[in-house]
Amino acid sequence: MSKLTVGKLILYYMDTILERYERQCCVEEEHGAADPESRGNWSLEHAKLKAKVEVLQKNQRHMMGEDLESFNVKELQNLEHQLDTSLKHIRSKKNQLLYASISELQRKEKSLQEQNTVLGKKIKEKEHEMGRFDQQQQCNQAQNSHSQAQNSHSQAQNSCNQAQNSPTFLLSQALPALTICTATYEPTATYVPTARPIGVQTVIPRWMLGLNQ
């Protein structure tokens, strides 16, 4: 056993003893103030406490491994036994604290795992909702594109029908083609222009024939 460990043990118990001594002094002072006759015993109590302090200091030096020249084998064995007992109490207390700390950490770990499980479920639900929303958006876009294509086709068909039903288109289908012959010039001594009559090949529609009757 190292001297440092023994010194810590002695300091621990020394602080406890001194604390009890101070409390006892305060109690005796209170009783002395209340009972003046007991003040005569202060000197005796002081001598007793002083002797106890000297014994404690001596035991402290012994536990630190000092002033052991006068000890025999039995006294050294008793001292070793006292130190072993103190160390057992200290180790027991330390193990209790360690077990309590481990249990608390395990409880926190379990709580964190449960929280992670809940968060994982929420994330999966959110991803599923986002996937359905994206799919719905794509379907809506496809429907809108199809509707726009149908509207464009309908507008083109309506424009074609309007063009075919217009008076200009009907007149161009009803009027005949015109053939125009031009005059020819032949240089001679006497200029005699010759001209061919303009021939018109006309196809008269039936509705115009009905007007002459």
Protein backbone atom coordinates (compact mmCIF):
# COMPACT_ATOMS: atom_id res chain seq x y z
CA MET A 1 0.00 0.00 0.00
CA SER A 2 1.44 3.38 -0.97
CA LYS A 3 1.96 6.21 1.45
CA LEU A 4 -0.21 8.46 -0.69
CA THR A 5 -3.23 6.15 -0.25
CA VAL A 6 -2.66 5.90 3.48
CA GLY A 7 -2.31 9.66 3.73
CA LYS A 8 -5.66 10.17 2.00
CA LEU A 9 -7.34 7.78 4.39
CA ILE A 10 -5.86 9.55 7.40
CA LEU A 11 -6.86 12.98 6.11
CA TYR A 12 -10.39 11.73 5.48
CA TYR A 13 -10.82 10.42 9.03
CA MET A 14 -8.89 13.35 10.51
CA ASP A 15 -11.31 15.85 8.99
CA THR A 16 -14.23 13.90 10.43
CA ILE A 17 -12.67 13.83 13.91
CA LEU A 18 -11.83 17.53 13.87
CA GLU A 19 -15.35 18.35 12.73
CA ARG A 20 -16.77 16.39 15.65
CA TYR A 21 -14.33 18.12 17.97
CA GLU A 22 -15.45 21.58 16.80
CA ARG A 23 -19.10 20.65 17.25
CA GLN A 24 -18.39 19.37 20.73
CA CYS A 25 -16.55 22.58 21.61
CA CYS A 26 -19.48 24.65 20.43
CA VAL A 27 -21.89 22.57 22.52
CA GLU A 28 -19.69 22.89 25.59
CA GLU A 29 -19.40 26.64 25.14
CA GLU A 30 -23.17 26.94 24.95
CA HIS A 31 -23.59 24.86 28.06
CA GLY A 32 -20.83 26.83 29.80
CA ALA A 33 -22.50 30.12 28.97
CA ALA A 34 -25.74 28.79 30.39
CA ASP A 35 -24.09 27.21 33.42
CA PRO A 36 -21.15 29.25 34.81
CA GLU A 37 -20.27 26.49 37.24
CA SER A 38 -19.21 24.19 34.37
CA ARG A 39 -16.48 26.59 33.25
CA GLY A 40 -14.13 25.06 35.79
CA ASN A 41 -14.13 21.82 33.82
CA TRP A 42 -12.94 23.48 30.60
CA SER A 43 -9.30 23.12 31.45
CA LEU A 44 -9.78 19.40 32.13
CA GLU A 45 -11.72 18.88 28.90
CA HIS A 46 -9.11 20.84 27.03
CA ALA A 47 -6.37 18.58 28.35
CA LYS A 48 -8.34 15.49 27.35
CA LEU A 49 -9.01 16.78 23.84
CA LYS A 50 -5.39 17.77 23.49
CA ALA A 51 -4.34 14.24 24.40
CA LYS A 52 -6.79 12.82 21.87
CA VAL A 53 -5.41 15.08 19.16
CA GLU A 54 -1.88 13.95 19.98
CA VAL A 55 -2.98 10.32 19.74
CA LEU A 56 -4.65 10.96 16.39
CA GLN A 57 -1.59 12.68 15.05
CA LYS A 58 0.54 9.77 16.24
CA ASN A 59 -1.81 7.29 14.54
CA GLN A 60 -1.63 9.39 11.40
CA ARG A 61 2.14 9.13 11.38
CA HIS A 62 1.90 5.40 11.92
CA MET A 63 -0.51 4.97 9.02
CA MET A 64 1.82 7.00 6.86
CA GLY A 65 4.52 4.48 7.70
CA GLU A 66 6.39 6.77 10.06
CA ASP A 67 7.56 6.19 13.61
CA LEU A 68 7.14 2.41 13.36
CA GLU A 69 10.40 1.56 15.07
CA SER A 70 8.71 0.77 18.40
CA PHE A 71 6.05 -1.50 16.81
CA ASN A 72 6.24 -5.23 17.20
CA VAL A 73 4.86 -7.78 14.76
CA LYS A 74 1.41 -7.92 16.34
CA GLU A 75 1.03 -4.14 16.34
CA LEU A 76 2.09 -3.99 12.70
CA GLN A 77 -0.42 -6.71 11.84
CA ASN A 78 -3.17 -4.77 13.61
CA LEU A 79 -2.21 -1.64 11.72
CA GLU A 80 -2.22 -3.54 8.42
CA HIS A 81 -5.63 -5.01 9.23
CA GLN A 82 -7.04 -1.54 9.95
CA LEU A 83 -5.72 -0.24 6.63
CA ASP A 84 -7.10 -3.25 4.73
CA THR A 85 -10.51 -2.77 6.32
CA SER A 86 -10.51 0.90 5.40
CA LEU A 87 -9.50 0.11 1.84
CA LYS A 88 -12.30 -2.47 1.56
CA HIS A 89 -14.86 0.12 2.64
CA ILE A 90 -13.44 2.62 0.19
CA ARG A 91 -13.44 0.11 -2.69
CA SER A 92 -17.00 -0.94 -1.84
CA LYS A 93 -18.17 2.65 -1.89
CA LYS A 94 -16.32 3.29 -5.14
CA ASN A 95 -17.89 0.22 -6.78
CA GLN A 96 -21.35 1.31 -5.68
CA LEU A 97 -20.83 4.68 -7.28
CA LEU A 98 -19.48 3.07 -10.45
CA TYR A 99 -22.44 0.68 -10.68
CA ALA A 100 -24.88 3.53 -10.13
CA SER A 101 -23.12 5.57 -12.84
CA ILE A 102 -23.20 2.62 -15.26
CA SER A 103 -26.90 2.04 -14.60
CA GLU A 104 -27.64 5.70 -15.22
CA LEU A 105 -25.67 5.62 -18.48
CA GLN A 106 -27.52 2.48 -19.60
CA ARG A 107 -30.84 4.13 -18.83
CA LYS A 108 -29.84 7.19 -20.86
CA GLU A 109 -28.64 4.97 -23.70
CA LYS A 110 -31.98 3.16 -23.79
CA SER A 111 -33.85 6.46 -23.78
CA LEU A 112 -31.72 7.74 -26.66
CA GLN A 113 -32.31 4.56 -28.65
CA GLU A 114 -36.06 4.94 -28.20
CA GLN A 115 -35.86 8.56 -29.31
CA ASN A 116 -33.81 7.55 -32.36
CA THR A 117 -36.41 4.92 -33.24
CA VAL A 118 -39.22 7.45 -33.04
CA LEU A 119 -37.26 9.97 -35.10
CA GLY A 120 -36.45 7.29 -37.70
CA LYS A 121 -40.14 6.47 -38.08
CA LYS A 122 -41.00 10.15 -38.48
CA ILE A 123 -38.29 10.58 -41.12
CA LYS A 124 -39.57 7.57 -43.09
CA GLU A 125 -43.15 8.88 -42.92
CA LYS A 126 -41.96 12.30 -44.10
CA GLU A 127 -40.02 10.77 -46.99
CA HIS A 128 -43.07 8.71 -47.96
CA GLU A 129 -45.27 11.80 -47.93
CA MET A 130 -42.73 13.73 -50.02
CA GLY A 131 -42.57 10.84 -52.51
CA ARG A 132 -46.35 10.80 -52.86
CA PHE A 133 -46.38 14.58 -53.26
CA ASP A 134 -43.72 14.42 -56.01
CA GLN A 135 -45.63 11.64 -57.77
CA GLN A 136 -48.84 13.67 -57.61
CA GLN A 137 -47.02 16.69 -59.00
CA GLN A 138 -45.69 14.65 -61.91
CA CYS A 139 -49.16 13.30 -62.65
CA ASN A 140 -50.61 16.82 -62.57
CA GLN A 141 -47.89 18.08 -64.92
CA ALA A 142 -48.53 15.19 -67.32
CA GLN A 143 -52.27 15.90 -67.30
CA ASN A 144 -51.66 19.61 -67.87
CA SER A 145 -49.32 18.85 -70.79
CA HIS A 146 -51.89 16.51 -72.33
CA SER A 147 -54.65 19.10 -71.88
CA GLN A 148 -52.50 21.79 -73.47
CA ALA A 149 -51.72 19.50 -76.42
CA GLN A 150 -55.42 18.78 -76.90
CA ASN A 151 -56.25 22.48 -76.70
CA SER A 152 -53.56 23.30 -79.27
CA HIS A 153 -54.87 20.60 -81.62
CA SER A 154 -58.45 21.88 -81.21
CA GLN A 155 -57.36 25.45 -81.89
CA ALA A 156 -55.48 24.36 -85.01
CA GLN A 157 -58.51 22.37 -86.22
CA ASN A 158 -60.82 25.34 -85.58
CA SER A 159 -58.47 27.67 -87.46
CA CYS A 160 -58.40 25.28 -90.42
CA ASN A 161 -62.19 25.01 -90.45
CA GLN A 162 -62.58 28.79 -90.25
CA ALA A 163 -60.15 29.23 -93.16
CA GLN A 164 -62.07 26.71 -95.28
CA ASN A 165 -65.41 28.36 -94.55
CA SER A 166 -64.20 31.92 -95.27
CA PRO A 167 -65.66 33.72 -98.41
CA THR A 168 -62.19 34.23 -99.87
CA PHE A 169 -61.51 30.50 -99.85
CA LEU A 170 -64.93 29.73 -101.36
CA LEU A 171 -64.46 32.38 -104.10
CA SER A 172 -61.04 31.02 -104.98
CA GLN A 173 -62.61 27.58 -105.41
CA ALA A 174 -65.54 28.95 -107.57
CA LEU A 175 -63.72 31.34 -110.00
CA PRO A 176 -62.22 29.78 -113.20
CA ALA A 177 -58.69 30.13 -114.33
CA LEU A 178 -58.08 32.95 -116.84
CA THR A 179 -55.92 32.49 -120.00
CA ILE A 180 -54.71 35.76 -121.61
CA CYS A 181 -53.13 35.83 -125.08
CA THR A 182 -50.89 38.79 -125.96
CA ALA A 183 -50.42 40.48 -129.41
CA THR A 184 -47.41 39.60 -131.59
CA TYR A 185 -45.46 42.14 -133.68
CA GLU A 186 -43.85 41.30 -137.06
CA PRO A 187 -41.81 44.05 -138.72
CA THR A 188 -42.91 44.58 -142.43
CA ALA A 189 -43.00 47.42 -144.89
CA THR A 190 -46.53 48.25 -143.85
CA TYR A 191 -47.27 47.89 -140.10
CA VAL A 192 -50.35 45.81 -139.72
CA PRO A 193 -50.83 44.77 -136.13
CA THR A 194 -52.40 41.48 -135.63
CA ALA A 195 -53.91 40.48 -132.44
CA ARG A 196 -55.47 37.39 -131.15
CA PRO A 197 -58.60 37.76 -129.17
CA ILE A 198 -58.39 37.16 -125.52
CA GLY A 199 -59.88 33.83 -124.91
CA VAL A 200 -61.63 33.21 -121.66
CA GLN A 201 -62.41 29.72 -120.64
CA THR A 202 -65.16 30.13 -118.13
CA VAL A 203 -66.86 27.48 -116.11
CA ILE A 204 -70.12 28.96 -114.89
CA PRO A 205 -71.27 27.67 -111.52
CA ARG A 206 -74.73 26.23 -111.27
CA TRP A 207 -75.95 28.88 -108.93
CA MET A 208 -75.17 31.57 -111.53
CA LEU A 209 -77.18 29.67 -114.21
CA GLY A 210 -80.23 29.88 -112.03
CA LEU A 211 -80.03 33.72 -112.09
CA ASN A 212 -80.57 33.89 -115.91
CA GLN A 213 -83.86 32.02 -115.62
